[in-house]
Amino acid sequence: MNSTELNFKKYGATQFLSGLGVLVLVGFWLLGLSMIKFLGLTGSIVLLGLPFVVALLAFLWSRPKATVWISLIMGFLISGVGRYVNAPWGLSIDILLFLGLIVIFVNKAIKVNWKLAKTDLVIFSLVWMGYLFLELFNPAGNGFEAWFYAMRGIGFYQAMAVPLVYLMFREEKDFHSFLNILIILSLAGTVWGFKQQILGVDAAEYRWLWDENHHEEHILHGVLRVFSFYSDAGQFGASQAMMAMLMGILALGPFSLSKRIWYAVLALIFFLGFAISGTRGALAVPLFGGLAYLICTRNFKILIGGVSAMLLVFIMLKYTFMFQGVEQVRRMRSALDPENPSLQVRLQNQKTFGRYLADKPFGGGVGTAGFWGARFNPNSLMANTATDSWYVKIWAETGIVGLAIHLSFLGYVLGKGGHISMNLKDKKQKTYAMAIYACIVGVIFSSYGNQVFGQMPTGMIMNLAIPFLFLIPNWTKNQ
């Protein structure tokens, strides 16, 4: 008997002929029959998916970086996939990020320097998550289940993602991987959006619009506000506007002509995606993000030119009727009307929250407002008063104390991020920093009108973009 036969007997498929192998196979067979009998089609799907889950876990065991990249991908896809297959897809992000931390804790082959996680952003993230944990004991809350679902997008993802970036994504190539994933997925979102615009929505999207009562906000005067595979048109528009600005800034950078043309083409494509969303609040993304970029250039001539261009666009929308025949332009123009009925309703809702929260400095409890409030306590004032703004949501659920903590974190990001962007010496690094910083600023300010900052995929993008920005000065040190 040669060595190959010995190895085959020791490691090959013949091991299944042993007593233990037969026992394992019979066990899996009985498990499969039980799942099919008691869970039906769901059990069959779960059973078929088990080998893929095992293979994925084996892959992630040696490649914990992939847990973050897949989380980012799922941030883009969970809303769209949920329209076709009803499942708790959002939990995949929790599982992946938590798995990433577990792997670097347990797998001794993964070498990380834990001291790298002792940073300002990590401390801020953990403090904010600690406050959200204390909100679990808020007597005005809706209980553990509502708190669990709601706190994830508010702070849990941030508390896991930020340390992972500092521990494993410190090199320039990691940033470029992040950028490429954003471009590919955002471009897919644009293509899907134009499919809806030109060919119409499919059966699953039609059911989401009409059976789940999303048509009132997405079909205005017979015109569809395109939402692509995002959670809604507002999120799609804000994300596309952010990507258009990101690509536009990179197109002005010190890169090869071919790369600058590529970025310029992408900027135009994403701008068209933003336009077909009909989202008014997303105007704040290029407005404030663009202003932040102009300030960071520290070039007086560019600043004057950029501000002048913004003023021209503002004057056109505010004081003229140019392009009034275009539905998307009419939507943008209405955002500048102080008497807009939608704005008046939002202001009235804020007064309602103000009266309710007058004696609640810690808020009404995480999970009491918006979607989760409607699910777990549908008859409450918190659930029946629209928050609209991300900051109104934070204020309503965590009180003036929570809002102060959150705004302190965002203020710190704005201050230090601007300092980094303005003081980098390397021109390419400076361009990347200014582009990412402009996106962060745009999202932060646009979140006053909509819950952009905490929704997917923008929420996951911000959880990665902020530490990536802070790590750009370290690229030289890592080389």
Protein backbone atom coordinates (compact mmCIF):
# COMPACT_ATOMS: atom_id res chain seq x y z
CA MET A 1 0.00 0.00 0.00
CA ASN A 2 1.53 3.31 -1.08
CA SER A 3 1.50 6.62 0.81
CA THR A 4 -1.30 8.04 -1.36
CA GLU A 5 -3.61 5.22 -0.33
CA LEU A 6 -2.67 5.68 3.30
CA ASN A 7 -3.49 9.40 3.12
CA PHE A 8 -6.75 8.59 1.37
CA LYS A 9 -7.75 6.21 4.12
CA LYS A 10 -6.77 8.68 6.78
CA TYR A 11 -8.19 11.88 5.33
CA GLY A 12 -10.43 11.01 2.38
CA ALA A 13 -14.11 10.31 1.95
CA THR A 14 -13.64 6.76 3.30
CA GLN A 15 -13.67 8.29 6.78
CA PHE A 16 -17.45 8.51 6.41
CA LEU A 17 -17.50 4.70 6.39
CA SER A 18 -16.24 4.61 9.96
CA GLY A 19 -18.63 4.28 12.86
CA LEU A 20 -18.34 7.95 13.79
CA GLY A 21 -18.78 9.01 10.16
CA VAL A 22 -21.97 6.97 9.76
CA LEU A 23 -23.28 8.39 13.04
CA VAL A 24 -22.65 11.96 11.86
CA LEU A 25 -24.35 11.33 8.52
CA VAL A 26 -27.39 9.74 10.21
CA GLY A 27 -27.50 12.69 12.62
CA PHE A 28 -27.55 15.21 9.77
CA TRP A 29 -30.20 13.15 7.98
CA LEU A 30 -32.46 13.11 11.04
CA LEU A 31 -31.86 16.82 11.62
CA GLY A 32 -32.80 17.55 8.01
CA LEU A 33 -36.00 15.50 8.22
CA SER A 34 -36.98 17.24 11.47
CA MET A 35 -36.41 20.71 10.05
CA ILE A 36 -38.43 19.94 6.92
CA LYS A 37 -41.26 18.38 8.95
CA PHE A 38 -41.62 21.15 11.52
CA LEU A 39 -40.49 24.20 9.53
CA GLY A 40 -41.63 23.24 6.04
CA LEU A 41 -40.13 25.26 3.19
CA THR A 42 -38.24 27.49 5.62
CA GLY A 43 -36.56 24.47 7.14
CA SER A 44 -35.59 23.21 3.69
CA ILE A 45 -34.05 26.57 2.80
CA VAL A 46 -32.16 26.70 6.10
CA LEU A 47 -30.91 23.16 5.56
CA LEU A 48 -29.71 23.95 2.05
CA GLY A 49 -28.00 27.06 3.34
CA LEU A 50 -26.09 25.32 6.12
CA PRO A 51 -23.13 24.22 3.93
CA PHE A 52 -22.78 27.78 2.64
CA VAL A 53 -22.86 29.15 6.19
CA VAL A 54 -20.18 26.69 7.27
CA ALA A 55 -18.04 27.57 4.25
CA LEU A 56 -18.49 31.31 4.94
CA LEU A 57 -17.49 30.89 8.59
CA ALA A 58 -14.39 28.95 7.55
CA PHE A 59 -13.51 31.73 5.11
CA LEU A 60 -14.05 34.52 7.67
CA TRP A 61 -12.06 32.69 10.33
CA SER A 62 -8.83 33.51 8.53
CA ARG A 63 -10.04 36.74 6.86
CA PRO A 64 -11.77 38.91 9.48
CA LYS A 65 -11.49 41.98 7.22
CA ALA A 66 -14.13 40.40 5.03
CA THR A 67 -16.68 40.68 7.85
CA VAL A 68 -16.53 44.48 7.55
CA TRP A 69 -16.68 44.51 3.74
CA ILE A 70 -19.65 42.13 3.69
CA SER A 71 -21.36 44.27 6.34
CA LEU A 72 -20.95 47.29 4.07
CA ILE A 73 -22.35 45.33 1.12
CA MET A 74 -25.31 44.17 3.20
CA GLY A 75 -25.91 47.76 4.27
CA PHE A 76 -26.64 48.52 0.63
CA LEU A 77 -28.70 45.40 -0.06
CA ILE A 78 -30.83 44.63 3.01
CA SER A 79 -33.73 46.92 2.09
CA GLY A 80 -33.91 45.76 -1.50
CA VAL A 81 -33.55 42.06 -0.70
CA GLY A 82 -36.20 42.42 2.01
CA ARG A 83 -38.77 43.33 -0.63
CA TYR A 84 -38.33 39.91 -2.25
CA VAL A 85 -37.60 37.65 0.73
CA ASN A 86 -39.06 38.60 4.08
CA ALA A 87 -36.33 37.87 6.64
CA PRO A 88 -34.43 39.79 9.35
CA TRP A 89 -31.63 40.75 6.94
CA GLY A 90 -30.51 43.63 9.14
CA LEU A 91 -29.28 41.17 11.75
CA SER A 92 -26.65 39.97 9.26
CA ILE A 93 -24.74 43.21 9.88
CA ASP A 94 -24.78 42.64 13.64
CA ILE A 95 -23.62 39.07 13.24
CA LEU A 96 -20.84 39.91 10.79
CA LEU A 97 -19.37 42.80 12.78
CA PHE A 98 -19.59 40.84 16.04
CA LEU A 99 -18.01 37.85 14.31
CA GLY A 100 -15.16 40.07 13.11
CA LEU A 101 -14.38 41.08 16.69
CA ILE A 102 -14.68 37.48 17.93
CA VAL A 103 -12.28 36.20 15.26
CA ILE A 104 -9.52 38.67 16.10
CA PHE A 105 -10.05 37.88 19.79
CA VAL A 106 -9.97 34.09 19.46
CA ASN A 107 -7.89 33.29 16.37
CA LYS A 108 -4.29 33.49 17.55
CA ALA A 109 -3.06 33.50 13.95
CA ILE A 110 -4.59 36.97 13.48
CA LYS A 111 -2.08 39.41 14.92
CA VAL A 112 -3.51 42.77 15.97
CA ASN A 113 -2.07 45.49 18.16
CA TRP A 114 -4.88 46.28 20.59
CA LYS A 115 -3.19 49.54 21.56
CA LEU A 116 -4.20 50.89 18.15
CA ALA A 117 -7.81 50.88 19.32
CA LYS A 118 -7.05 53.35 22.12
CA THR A 119 -8.19 56.36 20.13
CA ASP A 120 -10.54 59.29 20.49
CA LEU A 121 -13.14 57.91 18.06
CA VAL A 122 -13.26 54.54 19.81
CA ILE A 123 -13.72 56.23 23.18
CA PHE A 124 -16.50 58.44 21.82
CA SER A 125 -18.22 55.42 20.25
CA LEU A 126 -18.06 53.37 23.45
CA VAL A 127 -19.28 56.26 25.60
CA TRP A 128 -22.23 56.77 23.26
CA MET A 129 -23.00 53.04 23.29
CA GLY A 130 -22.75 53.05 27.08
CA TYR A 131 -25.34 55.81 27.26
CA LEU A 132 -27.61 53.86 24.90
CA PHE A 133 -27.24 50.82 27.15
CA LEU A 134 -28.43 52.87 30.11
CA GLU A 135 -31.46 53.88 28.03
CA LEU A 136 -32.58 50.27 28.40
CA PHE A 137 -33.65 51.23 31.92
CA ASN A 138 -35.59 54.32 30.85
CA PRO A 139 -39.05 53.87 32.46
CA ALA A 140 -40.71 55.52 29.46
CA GLY A 141 -39.25 52.95 27.02
CA ASN A 142 -40.94 50.07 25.21
CA GLY A 143 -38.88 47.26 26.70
CA PHE A 144 -35.85 45.22 25.74
CA GLU A 145 -36.94 44.03 22.29
CA ALA A 146 -37.75 47.51 20.98
CA TRP A 147 -34.52 48.85 22.51
CA PHE A 148 -32.47 46.04 20.93
CA TYR A 149 -33.74 46.62 17.41
CA ALA A 150 -33.52 50.42 17.58
CA MET A 151 -30.12 50.87 19.25
CA ARG A 152 -28.27 48.97 16.54
CA GLY A 153 -28.41 51.68 13.90
CA ILE A 154 -28.01 54.46 16.47
CA GLY A 155 -24.81 53.29 18.11
CA PHE A 156 -24.14 49.54 18.14
CA TYR A 157 -22.80 49.31 14.59
CA GLN A 158 -20.59 52.31 15.23
CA ALA A 159 -19.21 50.83 18.46
CA MET A 160 -18.14 47.68 16.59
CA ALA A 161 -17.09 49.11 13.22
CA VAL A 162 -14.84 51.94 14.44
CA PRO A 163 -12.47 49.69 16.48
CA LEU A 164 -12.33 47.18 13.61
CA VAL A 165 -11.17 49.89 11.21
CA TYR A 166 -8.46 51.08 13.59
CA LEU A 167 -7.25 47.53 14.19
CA MET A 168 -7.27 46.12 10.64
CA PHE A 169 -7.67 48.85 7.99
CA ARG A 170 -4.76 51.19 8.51
CA GLU A 171 -3.16 51.05 5.05
CA GLU A 172 -3.92 53.09 1.94
CA LYS A 173 -4.94 49.97 0.01
CA ASP A 174 -7.76 49.43 2.54
CA PHE A 175 -9.11 52.89 1.82
CA HIS A 176 -9.06 52.19 -1.92
CA SER A 177 -10.96 48.94 -1.33
CA PHE A 178 -13.55 50.95 0.61
CA LEU A 179 -13.79 53.48 -2.21
CA ASN A 180 -14.15 50.82 -4.90
CA ILE A 181 -16.91 49.01 -3.01
CA LEU A 182 -18.80 52.31 -2.65
CA ILE A 183 -18.47 53.02 -6.37
CA ILE A 184 -19.57 49.54 -7.51
CA LEU A 185 -22.60 49.32 -5.21
CA SER A 186 -23.67 52.93 -5.76
CA LEU A 187 -23.39 52.46 -9.51
CA ALA A 188 -25.54 49.33 -9.23
CA GLY A 189 -28.05 51.45 -7.30
CA THR A 190 -28.08 54.05 -10.09
CA VAL A 191 -28.64 51.39 -12.76
CA TRP A 192 -31.47 49.83 -10.76
CA GLY A 193 -32.95 53.29 -10.22
CA PHE A 194 -33.00 54.01 -13.96
CA LYS A 195 -34.58 50.60 -14.49
CA GLN A 196 -37.44 51.74 -12.23
CA GLN A 197 -37.59 55.12 -13.97
CA ILE A 198 -37.70 53.72 -17.52
CA LEU A 199 -39.28 50.26 -17.21
CA GLY A 200 -41.24 50.75 -14.00
CA VAL A 201 -41.22 48.81 -10.74
CA ASP A 202 -41.47 45.03 -10.56
CA ALA A 203 -44.08 43.02 -8.65
CA ALA A 204 -42.22 43.05 -5.32
CA GLU A 205 -41.59 46.79 -5.52
CA TYR A 206 -45.20 47.38 -6.55
CA ARG A 207 -46.38 45.45 -3.49
CA TRP A 208 -44.02 47.52 -1.29
CA LEU A 209 -45.39 50.75 -2.75
CA TRP A 210 -49.10 50.01 -2.56
CA ASP A 211 -49.71 47.14 -0.12
CA GLU A 212 -47.28 48.52 2.44
CA ASN A 213 -48.47 52.12 1.94
CA HIS A 214 -45.30 53.76 0.64
CA HIS A 215 -46.98 55.21 -2.45
CA GLU A 216 -48.00 58.50 -0.81
CA GLU A 217 -44.37 59.52 -0.35
CA HIS A 218 -43.01 57.95 -3.53
CA ILE A 219 -45.63 58.78 -6.16
CA LEU A 220 -46.26 62.51 -6.37
CA HIS A 221 -48.55 63.91 -9.09
CA GLY A 222 -48.28 60.61 -10.89
CA VAL A 223 -44.46 60.73 -10.99
CA LEU A 224 -42.38 58.04 -9.26
CA ARG A 225 -39.71 59.16 -6.82
CA VAL A 226 -37.12 56.52 -7.62
CA PHE A 227 -35.86 54.54 -4.61
CA SER A 228 -33.78 51.82 -6.34
CA PHE A 229 -32.93 49.01 -3.87
CA TYR A 230 -32.51 51.49 -0.99
CA SER A 231 -34.84 51.92 1.97
CA ASP A 232 -36.65 54.88 0.34
CA ALA A 233 -36.20 57.69 -2.17
CA GLY A 234 -34.76 60.03 0.47
CA GLN A 235 -31.95 57.63 1.31
CA PHE A 236 -31.31 56.87 -2.37
CA GLY A 237 -31.15 60.57 -3.25
CA ALA A 238 -28.86 61.48 -0.37
CA SER A 239 -26.51 58.58 -1.09
CA GLN A 240 -26.35 59.40 -4.80
CA ALA A 241 -25.76 63.10 -4.06
CA MET A 242 -22.94 62.16 -1.69
CA MET A 243 -21.32 59.92 -4.30
CA ALA A 244 -21.70 62.58 -7.01
CA MET A 245 -19.89 65.07 -4.81
CA LEU A 246 -17.22 62.53 -3.81
CA MET A 247 -16.49 61.68 -7.45
CA GLY A 248 -16.62 65.34 -8.48
CA ILE A 249 -13.97 66.30 -5.93
CA LEU A 250 -11.73 63.37 -6.92
CA ALA A 251 -12.09 64.43 -10.56
CA LEU A 252 -10.33 67.68 -9.59
CA GLY A 253 -7.48 65.83 -7.85
CA PRO A 254 -3.83 65.26 -8.88
CA PHE A 255 -4.51 62.02 -10.73
CA SER A 256 -3.94 60.80 -14.26
CA LEU A 257 -6.18 62.23 -16.98
CA SER A 258 -7.91 58.89 -17.55
CA LYS A 259 -8.73 58.52 -13.84
CA ARG A 260 -10.03 62.10 -13.61
CA ILE A 261 -12.27 61.51 -16.63
CA TRP A 262 -13.55 58.31 -15.03
CA TYR A 263 -14.35 60.14 -11.81
CA ALA A 264 -16.07 62.95 -13.75
CA VAL A 265 -18.25 60.45 -15.64
CA LEU A 266 -19.19 58.76 -12.37
CA ALA A 267 -20.04 62.15 -10.84
CA LEU A 268 -22.46 62.85 -13.70
CA ILE A 269 -24.06 59.39 -13.42
CA PHE A 270 -24.56 59.73 -9.68
CA PHE A 271 -25.93 63.25 -10.10
CA LEU A 272 -28.57 61.88 -12.47
CA GLY A 273 -29.37 59.23 -9.88
CA PHE A 274 -29.84 61.97 -7.30
CA ALA A 275 -32.09 63.89 -9.72
CA ILE A 276 -34.51 61.03 -10.42
CA SER A 277 -34.97 60.44 -6.66
CA GLY A 278 -36.81 63.77 -6.37
CA THR A 279 -35.31 64.23 -2.91
CA ARG A 280 -35.29 67.81 -1.64
CA GLY A 281 -33.42 67.25 1.61
CA ALA A 282 -30.45 65.77 -0.25
CA LEU A 283 -29.68 69.25 -1.59
CA ALA A 284 -27.92 69.85 1.74
CA VAL A 285 -25.31 67.20 0.88
CA PRO A 286 -23.64 69.05 -2.03
CA LEU A 287 -24.42 72.45 -0.51
CA PHE A 288 -22.71 72.00 2.86
CA GLY A 289 -20.28 69.32 1.69
CA GLY A 290 -19.21 71.47 -1.22
CA LEU A 291 -18.74 74.47 1.06
CA ALA A 292 -16.61 72.36 3.42
CA TYR A 293 -14.45 71.25 0.48
CA LEU A 294 -13.98 74.84 -0.70
CA ILE A 295 -12.92 75.95 2.78
CA CYS A 296 -10.47 73.03 3.06
CA THR A 297 -8.75 74.00 -0.19
CA ARG A 298 -7.60 77.20 1.54
CA ASN A 299 -7.60 78.77 -1.91
CA PHE A 300 -9.37 82.14 -1.89
CA LYS A 301 -10.01 82.20 -5.64
CA ILE A 302 -11.52 78.68 -5.67
CA LEU A 303 -13.60 79.53 -2.59
CA ILE A 304 -15.02 82.68 -4.21
CA GLY A 305 -15.74 80.84 -7.45
CA GLY A 306 -17.43 77.93 -5.70
CA VAL A 307 -19.56 80.10 -3.44
CA SER A 308 -20.58 82.20 -6.46
CA ALA A 309 -21.70 79.05 -8.29
CA MET A 310 -23.74 77.95 -5.26
CA LEU A 311 -25.37 81.38 -5.07
CA LEU A 312 -26.31 81.20 -8.75
CA VAL A 313 -27.98 77.82 -8.24
CA PHE A 314 -29.78 79.15 -5.14
CA ILE A 315 -31.01 82.24 -7.00
CA MET A 316 -32.18 80.13 -9.93
CA LEU A 317 -34.20 77.84 -7.64
CA LYS A 318 -35.45 80.53 -5.28
CA TYR A 319 -36.24 83.48 -7.52
CA THR A 320 -36.81 82.11 -11.03
CA PHE A 321 -38.95 79.49 -12.74
CA MET A 322 -36.18 78.06 -14.88
CA PHE A 323 -36.66 74.34 -15.65
CA GLN A 324 -40.02 74.43 -13.84
CA GLY A 325 -41.31 71.84 -16.29
CA VAL A 326 -38.94 69.26 -14.82
CA GLU A 327 -40.55 67.46 -11.86
CA GLN A 328 -37.23 66.93 -10.07
CA VAL A 329 -36.41 70.65 -10.27
CA ARG A 330 -39.86 71.56 -8.95
CA ARG A 331 -39.25 69.25 -5.97
CA MET A 332 -35.88 70.88 -5.25
CA ARG A 333 -37.37 74.36 -5.59
CA SER A 334 -40.11 73.59 -3.04
CA ALA A 335 -37.39 72.85 -0.44
CA LEU A 336 -36.55 76.58 -0.39
CA ASP A 337 -40.13 77.68 0.35
CA PRO A 338 -40.51 78.60 4.06
CA GLU A 339 -44.28 78.19 3.73
CA ASN A 340 -44.01 74.67 2.40
CA PRO A 341 -46.75 72.55 4.06
CA SER A 342 -44.31 69.69 4.71
CA LEU A 343 -41.97 72.04 6.59
CA GLN A 344 -44.83 73.42 8.66
CA VAL A 345 -45.90 69.91 9.67
CA ARG A 346 -42.32 69.11 10.74
CA LEU A 347 -42.11 72.24 12.86
CA GLN A 348 -45.44 71.37 14.50
CA ASN A 349 -44.20 67.84 15.26
CA GLN A 350 -41.11 69.30 16.92
CA LYS A 351 -43.37 71.41 19.17
CA THR A 352 -45.31 68.27 20.08
CA PHE A 353 -42.10 66.49 21.06
CA GLY A 354 -40.98 69.55 23.00
CA ARG A 355 -44.09 69.47 25.19
CA TYR A 356 -43.83 65.72 25.77
CA LEU A 357 -40.12 65.77 26.57
CA ALA A 358 -40.25 68.82 28.84
CA ASP A 359 -39.87 66.64 31.96
CA LYS A 360 -37.86 63.83 30.30
CA PRO A 361 -34.18 64.84 30.01
CA PHE A 362 -33.30 61.25 28.99
CA GLY A 363 -36.00 61.10 26.34
CA GLY A 364 -38.87 58.74 25.68
CA GLY A 365 -36.61 55.70 25.36
CA VAL A 366 -34.72 54.07 22.49
CA GLY A 367 -37.20 52.26 20.27
CA THR A 368 -40.23 54.41 21.10
CA ALA A 369 -40.29 56.64 17.99
CA GLY A 370 -40.53 55.97 14.27
CA PHE A 371 -40.73 52.46 12.82
CA TRP A 372 -39.90 50.55 15.98
CA GLY A 373 -42.22 52.68 18.09
CA ALA A 374 -45.06 51.93 15.67
CA ARG A 375 -44.27 48.24 15.83
CA PHE A 376 -44.05 47.85 19.60
CA ASN A 377 -46.38 50.60 20.88
CA PRO A 378 -48.47 51.82 17.92
CA ASN A 379 -50.91 53.92 19.96
CA SER A 380 -48.30 56.06 21.74
CA LEU A 381 -47.65 59.74 21.06
CA MET A 382 -44.02 58.96 20.22
CA ALA A 383 -45.01 56.45 17.57
CA ASN A 384 -47.66 58.67 16.01
CA THR A 385 -45.53 61.81 15.77
CA ALA A 386 -43.13 61.74 12.82
CA THR A 387 -39.53 62.50 13.76
CA ASP A 388 -38.38 63.17 10.15
CA SER A 389 -35.02 64.61 11.24
CA TRP A 390 -32.21 62.36 12.54
CA TYR A 391 -31.55 64.84 15.34
CA VAL A 392 -35.21 65.02 16.31
CA LYS A 393 -35.16 61.22 16.55
CA ILE A 394 -32.09 61.27 18.80
CA TRP A 395 -33.66 64.02 20.93
CA ALA A 396 -37.01 62.22 21.17
CA GLU A 397 -35.54 58.86 22.15
CA THR A 398 -32.52 59.85 24.24
CA GLY A 399 -33.49 63.31 25.48
CA ILE A 400 -31.51 66.50 25.63
CA VAL A 401 -28.68 64.64 27.40
CA GLY A 402 -28.35 62.08 24.61
CA LEU A 403 -28.59 64.76 21.94
CA ALA A 404 -25.79 66.73 23.62
CA ILE A 405 -23.52 63.65 23.66
CA HIS A 406 -24.27 62.83 20.04
CA LEU A 407 -23.76 66.38 18.81
CA SER A 408 -20.50 66.58 20.75
CA PHE A 409 -19.25 63.54 18.86
CA LEU A 410 -20.31 64.97 15.49
CA GLY A 411 -18.82 68.37 16.36
CA TYR A 412 -15.53 66.70 17.22
CA VAL A 413 -15.58 64.85 13.89
CA LEU A 414 -16.22 68.10 12.02
CA GLY A 415 -13.42 69.92 13.86
CA LYS A 416 -10.70 67.28 13.73
CA GLY A 417 -11.70 66.08 10.26
CA GLY A 418 -11.40 69.62 8.92
CA HIS A 419 -8.02 70.05 10.60
CA ILE A 420 -6.73 66.83 9.02
CA SER A 421 -8.04 67.76 5.58
CA MET A 422 -6.51 71.23 5.58
CA ASN A 423 -3.08 70.28 6.92
CA LEU A 424 -2.08 67.24 4.89
CA LYS A 425 0.98 67.89 2.72
CA ASP A 426 0.70 65.06 0.20
CA LYS A 427 -1.65 66.27 -2.57
CA LYS A 428 -3.29 62.90 -3.23
CA GLN A 429 -3.88 62.25 0.45
CA LYS A 430 -5.27 65.75 0.84
CA THR A 431 -7.69 65.20 -2.06
CA TYR A 432 -8.94 61.91 -0.60
CA ALA A 433 -9.30 63.52 2.83
CA MET A 434 -11.19 66.57 1.52
CA ALA A 435 -13.51 64.36 -0.55
CA ILE A 436 -14.39 62.08 2.38
CA TYR A 437 -14.67 65.04 4.76
CA ALA A 438 -17.06 66.81 2.38
CA CYS A 439 -19.24 63.68 2.30
CA ILE A 440 -19.31 63.48 6.11
CA VAL A 441 -20.19 67.18 6.42
CA GLY A 442 -22.91 66.87 3.78
CA VAL A 443 -24.50 63.86 5.47
CA ILE A 444 -24.37 65.48 8.92
CA PHE A 445 -26.15 68.62 7.74
CA SER A 446 -28.63 66.84 5.48
CA SER A 447 -29.65 64.71 8.46
CA TYR A 448 -31.48 67.72 9.88
CA GLY A 449 -34.17 67.25 7.24
CA ASN A 450 -34.14 63.43 7.03
CA GLN A 451 -32.78 60.48 8.99
CA VAL A 452 -29.86 60.09 6.59
CA PHE A 453 -27.07 59.52 9.11
CA GLY A 454 -28.58 56.45 10.73
CA GLN A 455 -30.18 54.70 7.76
CA MET A 456 -28.55 52.08 5.58
CA PRO A 457 -26.34 52.23 3.63
CA THR A 458 -25.29 55.76 4.66
CA GLY A 459 -25.09 54.80 8.33
CA MET A 460 -22.61 52.00 7.61
CA ILE A 461 -20.68 54.22 5.20
CA MET A 462 -20.28 56.89 7.89
CA ASN A 463 -19.19 54.34 10.50
CA LEU A 464 -16.28 53.45 8.20
CA ALA A 465 -15.63 56.79 6.49
CA ILE A 466 -15.00 58.71 9.72
CA PRO A 467 -12.19 56.44 11.04
CA PHE A 468 -10.80 56.10 7.50
CA LEU A 469 -10.52 59.90 7.33
CA PHE A 470 -8.76 60.04 10.70
CA LEU A 471 -6.30 57.35 9.56
CA ILE A 472 -5.18 59.07 6.34
CA PRO A 473 -2.23 60.86 8.09
CA ASN A 474 -0.99 57.39 9.13
CA TRP A 475 -0.55 56.15 5.57
CA THR A 476 2.94 57.58 5.33
CA LYS A 477 3.94 55.95 8.62
CA ASN A 478 2.69 52.56 7.43
CA GLN A 479 4.75 52.65 4.22
